N, C-alpha and C. Protein backbone atom coordinates (compact mmCIF):
# COMPACT_ATOMS: atom_id res chain seq x y z
N MET A 1 202.52 194.73 137.66
CA MET A 1 203.56 194.68 136.63
C MET A 1 203.60 195.29 134.90
N GLU A 2 204.50 195.80 134.81
CA GLU A 2 204.53 196.54 133.20
C GLU A 2 204.98 195.77 132.39
N GLY A 3 205.95 194.86 132.50
CA GLY A 3 206.64 194.13 131.57
C GLY A 3 207.84 192.87 132.22
N ALA A 4 208.18 192.69 131.05
CA ALA A 4 209.03 191.35 131.50
C ALA A 4 210.04 192.08 132.24
N GLN A 5 210.66 193.04 132.37
CA GLN A 5 211.72 194.13 132.75
C GLN A 5 211.68 193.73 134.62
N ASP A 6 210.62 193.78 135.03
CA ASP A 6 209.48 193.80 136.09
C ASP A 6 210.25 192.22 137.04
N LEU A 7 210.49 191.49 136.25
CA LEU A 7 210.69 189.82 136.80
C LEU A 7 211.96 189.94 137.74
N VAL A 8 212.93 191.19 136.98
CA VAL A 8 214.40 191.12 137.61
C VAL A 8 214.80 190.96 139.00
N ASP A 9 215.30 189.99 139.51
CA ASP A 9 215.78 189.64 140.85
C ASP A 9 213.97 189.22 141.69
N LYS A 10 213.34 188.80 140.85
CA LYS A 10 212.21 188.12 142.02
C LYS A 10 212.51 185.92 141.48
N THR A 11 212.05 185.45 142.04
CA THR A 11 212.08 184.32 141.96
C THR A 11 210.53 183.61 141.27
N VAL A 12 210.43 182.92 140.49
CA VAL A 12 209.41 182.36 139.75
C VAL A 12 209.32 180.86 139.01
N LEU A 13 208.24 181.01 138.75
CA LEU A 13 207.92 179.32 138.89
C LEU A 13 207.72 179.53 137.11
N VAL A 14 208.78 178.41 136.27
CA VAL A 14 208.96 178.46 134.50
C VAL A 14 208.36 176.67 134.36
N LYS A 15 207.99 177.08 133.04
CA LYS A 15 207.59 176.06 132.46
C LYS A 15 208.29 176.08 131.23
N LEU A 16 209.00 175.26 130.67
CA LEU A 16 209.59 175.23 129.15
C LEU A 16 208.91 174.05 128.32
N GLU A 17 208.83 174.77 126.71
CA GLU A 17 208.33 173.59 125.86
C GLU A 17 209.17 172.49 125.94
N ASP A 18 210.44 172.72 125.86
CA ASP A 18 211.68 171.11 126.34
C ASP A 18 212.84 171.78 126.42
N ASN A 19 213.57 171.32 127.38
CA ASN A 19 215.05 171.26 127.70
C ASN A 19 215.97 170.95 126.57
N GLU A 20 215.66 170.50 125.47
CA GLU A 20 216.84 170.22 124.51
C GLU A 20 217.90 171.51 124.25
N GLY A 21 219.02 170.94 124.49
CA GLY A 21 220.45 171.76 124.38
C GLY A 21 220.75 172.37 125.96
N LEU A 22 219.70 172.46 126.71
CA LEU A 22 219.88 173.15 128.17
C LEU A 22 219.86 172.10 129.54
N GLN A 23 219.87 170.42 128.76
CA GLN A 23 220.38 169.59 129.99
C GLN A 23 221.78 169.99 130.69
N PHE A 24 222.85 169.92 130.16
CA PHE A 24 224.40 170.24 130.31
C PHE A 24 224.23 171.27 131.34
N ALA A 25 223.43 172.03 131.65
CA ALA A 25 223.33 173.22 132.33
C ALA A 25 222.04 172.96 134.03
N GLY A 26 221.58 171.88 133.62
CA GLY A 26 220.64 171.52 134.81
C GLY A 26 219.48 171.67 134.74
N VAL A 27 218.79 171.85 133.55
CA VAL A 27 217.64 171.79 133.60
C VAL A 27 216.69 170.82 133.21
N PRO A 28 215.58 170.55 134.19
CA PRO A 28 215.17 169.21 133.83
C PRO A 28 214.35 168.75 132.90
N GLU A 29 214.46 167.78 132.60
CA GLU A 29 213.41 167.15 131.39
C GLU A 29 212.16 167.64 131.60
N GLU A 30 211.41 167.59 132.88
CA GLU A 30 210.26 167.95 133.12
C GLU A 30 210.35 168.98 133.87
N GLY A 31 209.42 169.76 133.78
CA GLY A 31 209.40 170.83 134.91
C GLY A 31 207.61 171.30 135.19
N PRO A 32 207.49 172.11 135.82
CA PRO A 32 207.85 173.16 136.00
C PRO A 32 209.53 173.54 136.69
N PHE A 33 209.77 174.80 137.05
CA PHE A 33 210.90 174.66 138.19
C PHE A 33 210.97 176.90 138.66
N PHE A 34 211.54 176.06 139.79
CA PHE A 34 211.45 177.42 140.33
C PHE A 34 212.86 178.10 139.79
N CYS A 35 212.99 179.41 139.55
CA CYS A 35 214.25 180.14 139.45
C CYS A 35 214.34 181.56 139.81
N LYS A 36 215.46 182.34 139.74
CA LYS A 36 215.85 183.53 140.47
C LYS A 36 215.97 184.54 139.04
N ILE A 37 214.90 184.93 138.68
CA ILE A 37 215.43 185.99 137.14
C ILE A 37 216.31 186.91 137.44
N THR A 38 217.84 186.97 136.70
CA THR A 38 218.90 187.73 136.42
C THR A 38 218.97 189.13 135.76
N ALA A 39 217.90 188.65 134.35
CA ALA A 39 218.14 189.56 133.78
C ALA A 39 216.67 189.35 132.16
N VAL A 40 217.08 190.10 131.53
CA VAL A 40 215.71 190.06 130.86
C VAL A 40 215.93 190.29 129.48
N ASP A 41 216.13 189.91 128.23
CA ASP A 41 216.24 190.56 127.08
C ASP A 41 215.74 190.25 126.03
N GLN A 42 216.32 190.70 124.25
CA GLN A 42 214.62 190.40 123.76
C GLN A 42 215.27 188.87 123.17
N ILE A 43 216.08 188.01 123.61
CA ILE A 43 216.78 186.71 123.27
C ILE A 43 216.09 185.58 124.16
N GLY A 44 215.85 186.48 125.65
CA GLY A 44 215.42 185.71 126.68
C GLY A 44 215.67 186.24 127.88
N VAL A 45 215.29 185.00 129.27
CA VAL A 45 215.20 185.48 130.56
C VAL A 45 216.26 184.63 131.35
N TRP A 46 217.27 185.35 131.73
CA TRP A 46 218.69 185.03 132.00
C TRP A 46 218.28 184.49 133.64
N VAL A 47 218.46 183.25 134.05
CA VAL A 47 218.47 182.67 135.65
C VAL A 47 219.32 182.59 135.80
N GLU A 48 219.95 182.66 137.57
CA GLU A 48 220.88 182.09 137.99
C GLU A 48 220.64 180.92 138.71
N ASN A 49 221.86 179.80 138.59
CA ASN A 49 221.74 178.54 139.02
C ASN A 49 223.24 178.61 139.68
N LYS A 50 222.74 178.40 141.15
CA LYS A 50 223.70 178.37 142.50
C LYS A 50 224.75 177.15 142.36
N LYS A 51 224.19 176.26 141.84
CA LYS A 51 225.03 175.07 141.60
C LYS A 51 225.37 174.32 140.67
N PHE A 52 226.02 174.96 139.54
CA PHE A 52 226.45 174.64 138.40
C PHE A 52 228.07 173.84 138.85
N VAL A 53 228.03 172.59 138.50
CA VAL A 53 229.44 171.71 138.73
C VAL A 53 230.01 171.31 137.35
N THR A 54 231.51 171.72 137.80
CA THR A 54 232.33 171.28 136.61
C THR A 54 233.23 170.46 137.08
N VAL A 55 233.90 169.74 136.44
CA VAL A 55 235.13 168.90 136.87
C VAL A 55 235.97 168.94 136.02
N GLU A 56 237.45 169.50 136.52
CA GLU A 56 238.57 169.62 136.20
C GLU A 56 239.26 167.97 135.84
N ILE A 57 239.21 168.05 134.23
CA ILE A 57 239.71 166.68 133.99
C ILE A 57 241.20 166.86 133.05
N ARG A 58 242.14 167.79 133.11
CA ARG A 58 243.17 168.04 132.96
C ARG A 58 244.09 169.21 133.65
N ASP A 59 245.10 169.00 134.06
CA ASP A 59 245.76 169.46 134.98
C ASP A 59 246.19 171.27 133.87
N SER A 60 247.19 171.90 134.71
CA SER A 60 247.39 173.09 133.86
C SER A 60 248.47 173.16 132.96
N LYS A 61 249.24 171.33 133.09
CA LYS A 61 250.18 171.77 131.96
C LYS A 61 249.60 170.97 130.71
N GLY A 62 248.01 170.45 130.87
CA GLY A 62 247.45 169.94 129.79
C GLY A 62 247.41 168.44 130.03
N ARG A 63 247.79 167.66 130.92
CA ARG A 63 248.27 166.04 131.40
C ARG A 63 246.55 166.18 131.60
N PHE A 64 245.98 164.73 131.27
CA PHE A 64 244.55 163.89 132.03
C PHE A 64 244.93 164.05 133.52
N ILE A 65 243.94 164.05 134.20
CA ILE A 65 244.10 164.08 135.83
C ILE A 65 243.42 162.48 135.80
N PRO A 66 243.87 161.64 136.44
CA PRO A 66 243.11 160.71 136.94
C PRO A 66 241.88 160.95 137.76
N GLU A 67 241.00 159.50 137.01
CA GLU A 67 239.07 159.92 137.91
C GLU A 67 239.50 159.88 139.23
N GLU A 68 240.31 159.21 139.87
CA GLU A 68 240.01 159.05 141.14
C GLU A 68 240.45 160.31 141.94
N LYS A 69 241.32 161.31 141.14
CA LYS A 69 241.73 162.71 141.71
C LYS A 69 240.78 163.81 141.01
N GLN A 70 240.37 163.63 140.17
CA GLN A 70 239.21 164.48 140.03
C GLN A 70 238.70 165.11 141.20
N GLU A 71 238.26 166.71 141.01
CA GLU A 71 237.28 167.08 141.86
C GLU A 71 236.16 168.18 141.55
N SER A 72 235.42 168.27 141.74
CA SER A 72 234.20 169.00 141.66
C SER A 72 234.42 169.97 142.25
N VAL A 73 233.91 171.33 141.37
CA VAL A 73 233.87 172.84 141.75
C VAL A 73 232.32 173.54 141.49
N ASN A 74 231.94 173.75 142.28
CA ASN A 74 230.81 174.13 142.45
C ASN A 74 230.73 175.95 142.09
N HIS A 75 230.25 176.49 141.26
CA HIS A 75 229.48 177.63 140.50
C HIS A 75 228.75 178.29 140.76
N ILE A 76 228.47 179.66 140.67
CA ILE A 76 227.38 180.34 140.54
C ILE A 76 227.17 180.97 138.89
N VAL A 77 226.42 180.08 138.01
CA VAL A 77 225.95 180.95 136.60
C VAL A 77 224.83 181.45 136.77
N ASN A 78 225.06 182.29 135.54
CA ASN A 78 223.61 182.87 134.79
C ASN A 78 223.30 182.14 133.68
N LEU A 79 222.06 181.67 133.48
CA LEU A 79 221.91 180.55 131.71
C LEU A 79 220.57 181.07 131.35
N LEU A 80 220.98 181.25 130.18
CA LEU A 80 220.43 181.96 129.32
C LEU A 80 218.51 180.88 129.00
N LEU A 81 217.32 181.53 129.02
CA LEU A 81 216.43 180.41 128.39
C LEU A 81 215.94 181.16 127.16
N PRO A 82 215.91 180.95 126.54
CA PRO A 82 215.46 181.56 125.08
C PRO A 82 213.67 181.49 125.33
N TRP A 83 213.57 183.02 124.93
CA TRP A 83 211.70 183.00 124.81
C TRP A 83 211.10 181.28 124.14
N ARG A 84 211.69 180.97 123.17
CA ARG A 84 211.14 180.02 121.97
C ARG A 84 210.91 179.04 122.69
N LYS A 85 211.56 178.85 124.53
CA LYS A 85 211.62 177.49 124.80
C LYS A 85 210.68 177.50 125.84
N ILE A 86 210.53 179.00 126.35
CA ILE A 86 209.32 179.27 127.71
C ILE A 86 208.24 179.29 127.49
N GLN A 87 207.26 178.46 127.76
CA GLN A 87 206.05 177.85 127.77
C GLN A 87 204.98 178.82 128.56
N THR A 88 205.54 179.19 129.94
CA THR A 88 204.94 179.89 130.71
C THR A 88 205.75 180.05 131.82
N VAL A 89 205.60 181.55 132.69
CA VAL A 89 206.46 182.00 133.80
C VAL A 89 205.25 182.44 134.43
N VAL A 90 205.09 181.96 135.63
CA VAL A 90 204.18 182.73 136.86
C VAL A 90 204.99 183.46 137.97
N LEU A 91 204.81 184.88 138.19
CA LEU A 91 204.92 185.51 139.40
C LEU A 91 203.66 185.37 140.54
N PHE A 92 204.25 184.74 141.21
CA PHE A 92 203.27 185.19 142.76
C PHE A 92 202.95 186.86 143.15
N ALA A 93 201.90 187.03 142.53
CA ALA A 93 201.91 188.40 143.01
C ALA A 93 201.87 188.78 144.76
N GLU A 94 201.26 187.84 145.41
CA GLU A 94 201.50 188.08 147.29
C GLU A 94 202.63 188.34 148.04
N ARG A 95 203.87 187.25 147.19
CA ARG A 95 204.86 187.34 148.04
C ARG A 95 206.16 186.33 147.12
N ASP A 96 207.31 186.67 146.87
CA ASP A 96 208.29 186.01 146.14
C ASP A 96 208.12 184.64 146.31
N ALA A 97 208.00 184.00 145.37
CA ALA A 97 208.33 182.37 144.96
C ALA A 97 209.17 181.82 145.98
N ALA A 98 210.49 182.22 146.25
CA ALA A 98 210.99 182.04 147.25
C ALA A 98 210.61 181.35 148.66
N GLU A 99 209.87 181.99 149.02
CA GLU A 99 209.00 182.28 149.83
C GLU A 99 208.40 180.80 150.13
N ILE A 100 207.66 180.25 149.17
CA ILE A 100 206.33 179.46 149.15
C ILE A 100 206.90 178.45 148.10
N ALA A 101 208.36 177.95 147.40
CA ALA A 101 208.78 177.43 147.02
C ALA A 101 209.09 175.89 147.50
N PRO A 102 209.22 176.12 148.55
CA PRO A 102 209.42 174.76 149.67
C PRO A 102 207.66 173.74 149.72
N GLY A 103 206.74 174.50 149.72
CA GLY A 103 205.12 173.97 150.28
C GLY A 103 204.70 173.70 148.30
N VAL A 104 205.47 174.56 147.37
CA VAL A 104 204.97 174.22 145.92
C VAL A 104 205.44 173.22 144.96
N LEU A 105 204.72 172.07 144.32
CA LEU A 105 205.24 171.15 143.57
C LEU A 105 205.94 169.63 144.04
N GLY A 106 205.69 169.72 145.34
CA GLY A 106 207.02 168.51 145.93
C GLY A 106 208.08 168.94 146.26
N ALA A 107 208.36 170.57 146.20
CA ALA A 107 210.16 170.82 146.65
C ALA A 107 210.39 170.44 147.91
N LYS A 108 209.46 170.23 148.37
CA LYS A 108 210.38 169.68 150.38
C LYS A 108 210.53 168.28 149.86
N ALA A 109 210.17 167.60 149.01
CA ALA A 109 210.70 166.58 148.60
C ALA A 109 211.99 166.31 148.07
N LYS A 110 212.84 166.12 148.95
CA LYS A 110 214.39 165.83 148.09
C LYS A 110 215.04 166.81 147.01
N GLY A 111 214.51 168.58 147.41
CA GLY A 111 214.75 169.73 146.52
C GLY A 111 213.80 169.25 145.22
N ALA A 112 213.02 168.53 145.25
CA ALA A 112 211.99 168.55 144.07
C ALA A 112 211.70 169.69 143.55
N GLY A 113 211.80 170.34 142.41
CA GLY A 113 210.74 171.46 141.47
C GLY A 113 212.23 172.77 141.65
N THR A 114 213.10 172.35 142.17
CA THR A 114 214.21 173.43 142.08
C THR A 114 215.05 173.74 141.70
N ILE A 115 215.40 172.18 141.08
CA ILE A 115 216.69 171.81 140.59
C ILE A 115 217.75 172.61 140.48
N GLY A 116 218.00 173.06 141.68
CA GLY A 116 219.80 173.90 142.21
C GLY A 116 219.64 175.04 141.81
N PHE A 117 218.79 175.82 141.35
CA PHE A 117 218.65 177.09 141.13
C PHE A 117 218.39 177.80 142.69
N LEU A 118 217.23 177.37 143.52
CA LEU A 118 217.41 177.69 144.90
C LEU A 118 218.08 177.03 145.51
N SER A 119 218.63 177.79 146.81
CA SER A 119 219.36 177.24 147.64
C SER A 119 218.97 177.05 148.93
């Protein structure tokens, strides 16, 4: 590995200093967690979240939709993790972390350790 650009399209284990400001996107209070890197730049690391959920609360005319009629919509999004928040990134040299994620950090137990970033 020569630099952070080599992480693109790899699944890695990430530990953050804190998740302040990232909770709305599904980043857990505690880590570490697995995620797929989609890009790296001077600001930070872009990761994929395949399970980002939104709920429409207004219709096309701007009227509120009653809570019982609101539907959640699943999106695939890319999320920026700023370098200042990243404590550690672990790249598994022998194989992609997506292959070993189910057996690490108790990820098998109710999806722990994946936070929706891996499907």
